[in-house]
Amino acid sequence: MPTPLVPELNVTDFDVSHRFYCELLGWQVLYDRPEDGFAMLELGGAKLMIDALRIGRNFDATLTPDDRPFGRGMNLEIELPDIQPPLDALSAAGYPLHLAPEEKWYRAGAEELGQRQFIVADPDGYLLRFCQSLGKRPCGGANAL
C-alpha cells in the first residue's frame, strides 16, 4: 500500500543527514541516488526523502543553508511501537533533544489519546517527533489537551 504523505526534506549536507537518519536513528534506505544527493528512507512504515540542496531537484530555488533551521513551525510525527531505541541511540551519541520524553493525552471527541513522545531536531533543524501510543481513555484525565 502506498504511503499517502511522504515529506521531502532539503538538506545542506547529504552525508551528514544520511548518517543521522540511517546510522544514528536506524532508518532504512529504500532506494537512493547518491549522485543527486537523494535517498528515500523508511522507519516503521514512516517514509521520508532527503534531497541535497543545490544538487538534486529543488522546489524552492531561494532556499540556502543560511535559512536554517529548516521547517520552522512544523514537526513531523513518527509513530513507532517503541520510542526507546531511537531515544537510546540519541543519548549514547550525546545528541541533544528539542523536547525531553513526556507522556501526553490529547482530547479527540469523547476520548483522550495518549502517547509517549520526544522531539529531536535533525542537522538542518527539521523537528522530528517520535511517539508511541499509550492507548485511549475517557475524557477527563489530568493532563488532557
Protein backbone atom coordinates (compact mmCIF):
# COMPACT_ATOMS: atom_id res chain seq x y z
CA MET A 1 0.00 0.00 0.00
CA PRO A 2 1.48 3.39 -0.92
CA THR A 3 2.21 5.92 1.79
CA PRO A 4 -0.21 8.83 1.23
CA LEU A 5 2.19 11.51 2.54
CA VAL A 6 5.98 11.42 2.15
CA PRO A 7 7.85 14.59 3.15
CA GLU A 8 10.88 15.54 1.07
CA LEU A 9 13.44 17.42 3.14
CA ASN A 10 16.10 19.59 1.53
CA VAL A 11 19.35 19.05 3.42
CA THR A 12 22.54 21.08 3.36
CA ASP A 13 24.91 18.11 3.68
CA PHE A 14 23.63 14.80 2.30
CA ASP A 15 26.28 12.67 4.02
CA VAL A 16 25.67 14.23 7.44
CA SER A 17 21.90 13.83 7.10
CA HIS A 18 22.25 10.28 5.75
CA ARG A 19 24.38 9.31 8.78
CA PHE A 20 21.92 10.99 11.18
CA TYR A 21 18.88 9.20 9.81
CA CYS A 22 20.37 5.83 8.90
CA GLU A 23 23.29 5.18 11.25
CA LEU A 24 22.03 7.03 14.32
CA LEU A 25 18.25 6.58 14.12
CA GLY A 26 18.03 3.35 12.13
CA TRP A 27 16.09 4.46 9.04
CA GLN A 28 16.48 2.07 6.10
CA VAL A 29 17.29 3.21 2.57
CA LEU A 30 14.53 2.05 0.21
CA TYR A 31 16.43 3.50 -2.75
CA ASP A 32 18.86 6.31 -3.36
CA ARG A 33 20.66 8.34 -5.99
CA PRO A 34 23.88 9.42 -4.27
CA GLU A 35 25.00 11.32 -7.37
CA ASP A 36 21.91 13.54 -6.90
CA GLY A 37 22.21 13.64 -3.10
CA PHE A 38 18.86 11.84 -2.76
CA ALA A 39 17.53 8.97 -0.64
CA MET A 40 14.08 7.54 0.13
CA LEU A 41 14.08 6.34 3.74
CA GLU A 42 11.74 4.20 5.86
CA LEU A 43 11.36 3.55 9.58
CA GLY A 44 8.48 1.52 10.97
CA GLY A 45 6.28 2.30 7.97
CA ALA A 46 7.03 6.04 8.03
CA LYS A 47 8.79 7.34 4.94
CA LEU A 48 10.68 10.48 4.10
CA MET A 49 13.05 11.66 1.42
CA ILE A 50 16.25 13.62 1.92
CA ASP A 51 17.47 15.70 -1.00
CA ALA A 52 20.72 17.68 -1.05
CA LEU A 53 20.25 21.38 -1.51
CA ARG A 54 21.62 22.62 -4.85
CA ILE A 55 22.49 19.12 -6.14
CA GLY A 56 19.22 17.39 -6.90
CA ARG A 57 15.90 18.90 -7.77
CA ASN A 58 14.97 21.87 -5.57
CA PHE A 59 11.38 23.02 -5.38
CA ASP A 60 12.37 26.24 -3.60
CA ALA A 61 15.22 27.82 -5.53
CA THR A 62 15.53 30.58 -2.92
CA LEU A 63 16.41 28.22 -0.04
CA THR A 64 20.04 28.45 1.14
CA PRO A 65 21.99 26.95 4.07
CA ASP A 66 21.72 30.35 5.77
CA ASP A 67 17.94 29.83 6.08
CA ARG A 68 18.38 27.13 8.74
CA PRO A 69 16.69 25.90 10.82
CA PHE A 70 14.52 24.48 8.07
CA GLY A 71 10.88 23.53 8.59
CA ARG A 72 10.11 26.22 11.16
CA GLY A 73 6.66 25.87 12.65
CA MET A 74 6.30 22.21 11.71
CA ASN A 75 7.20 18.92 13.30
CA LEU A 76 6.96 15.51 11.70
CA GLU A 77 5.27 12.92 13.91
CA ILE A 78 6.73 9.44 13.50
CA GLU A 79 4.76 6.76 15.32
CA LEU A 80 6.70 3.70 16.42
CA PRO A 81 5.74 0.73 18.58
CA ASP A 82 8.55 1.77 20.97
CA ILE A 83 10.42 5.09 21.02
CA GLN A 84 13.12 3.81 23.37
CA PRO A 85 15.56 2.57 20.66
CA PRO A 86 15.95 5.96 18.92
CA LEU A 87 15.97 7.68 22.30
CA ASP A 88 18.78 5.39 23.50
CA ALA A 89 20.75 5.93 20.26
CA LEU A 90 20.50 9.72 20.57
CA SER A 91 21.52 9.59 24.23
CA ALA A 92 24.51 7.33 23.50
CA ALA A 93 25.66 9.76 20.79
CA GLY A 94 25.23 12.77 23.09
CA TYR A 95 22.75 14.25 20.62
CA PRO A 96 20.55 16.92 22.26
CA LEU A 97 16.76 16.65 22.37
CA HIS A 98 14.46 19.54 21.49
CA LEU A 99 11.76 18.15 23.83
CA ALA A 100 12.53 15.61 26.57
CA PRO A 101 10.43 12.44 26.66
CA GLU A 102 6.95 13.03 28.03
CA GLU A 103 3.56 11.38 28.28
CA LYS A 104 0.72 13.44 26.85
CA TRP A 105 -3.01 12.87 26.45
CA TYR A 106 -4.91 14.69 23.68
CA ARG A 107 -8.68 15.09 23.58
CA ALA A 108 -10.29 13.56 20.49
CA GLY A 109 -14.07 13.81 20.75
CA ALA A 110 -15.25 11.92 23.84
CA GLU A 111 -11.88 10.19 24.34
CA GLU A 112 -8.30 11.04 25.08
CA LEU A 113 -5.47 9.54 23.05
CA GLY A 114 -2.23 9.05 24.93
CA GLN A 115 1.29 8.98 23.65
CA ARG A 116 4.83 8.93 24.92
CA GLN A 117 6.88 11.31 22.80
CA PHE A 118 10.04 13.32 22.36
CA ILE A 119 11.32 15.74 19.73
CA VAL A 120 14.76 15.95 18.16
CA ALA A 121 15.98 18.42 15.53
CA ASP A 122 17.84 16.89 12.60
CA PRO A 123 21.11 18.50 11.38
CA ASP A 124 19.14 21.10 9.37
CA GLY A 125 16.65 21.88 12.11
CA TYR A 126 13.68 19.82 10.96
CA LEU A 127 11.80 18.73 14.08
CA LEU A 128 11.08 15.01 14.37
CA ARG A 129 8.50 13.99 16.99
CA PHE A 130 8.84 10.31 17.77
CA CYS A 131 5.82 8.89 19.59
CA GLN A 132 4.31 5.63 20.75
CA SER A 133 0.68 5.05 21.63
CA LEU A 134 -0.42 4.78 25.25
CA GLY A 135 -3.96 3.88 24.19
CA LYS A 136 -7.29 5.60 24.78
CA ARG A 137 -9.29 6.64 27.82
CA PRO A 138 -12.50 8.54 28.51
CA CYS A 139 -12.12 12.34 28.61
CA GLY A 140 -11.27 13.98 31.89
CA GLY A 141 -7.69 12.94 32.64
CA ALA A 142 -5.41 15.37 34.45
CA ASN A 143 -3.06 16.05 31.52
CA ALA A 144 -5.56 16.31 28.64
CA LEU A 145 -5.12 18.94 25.94
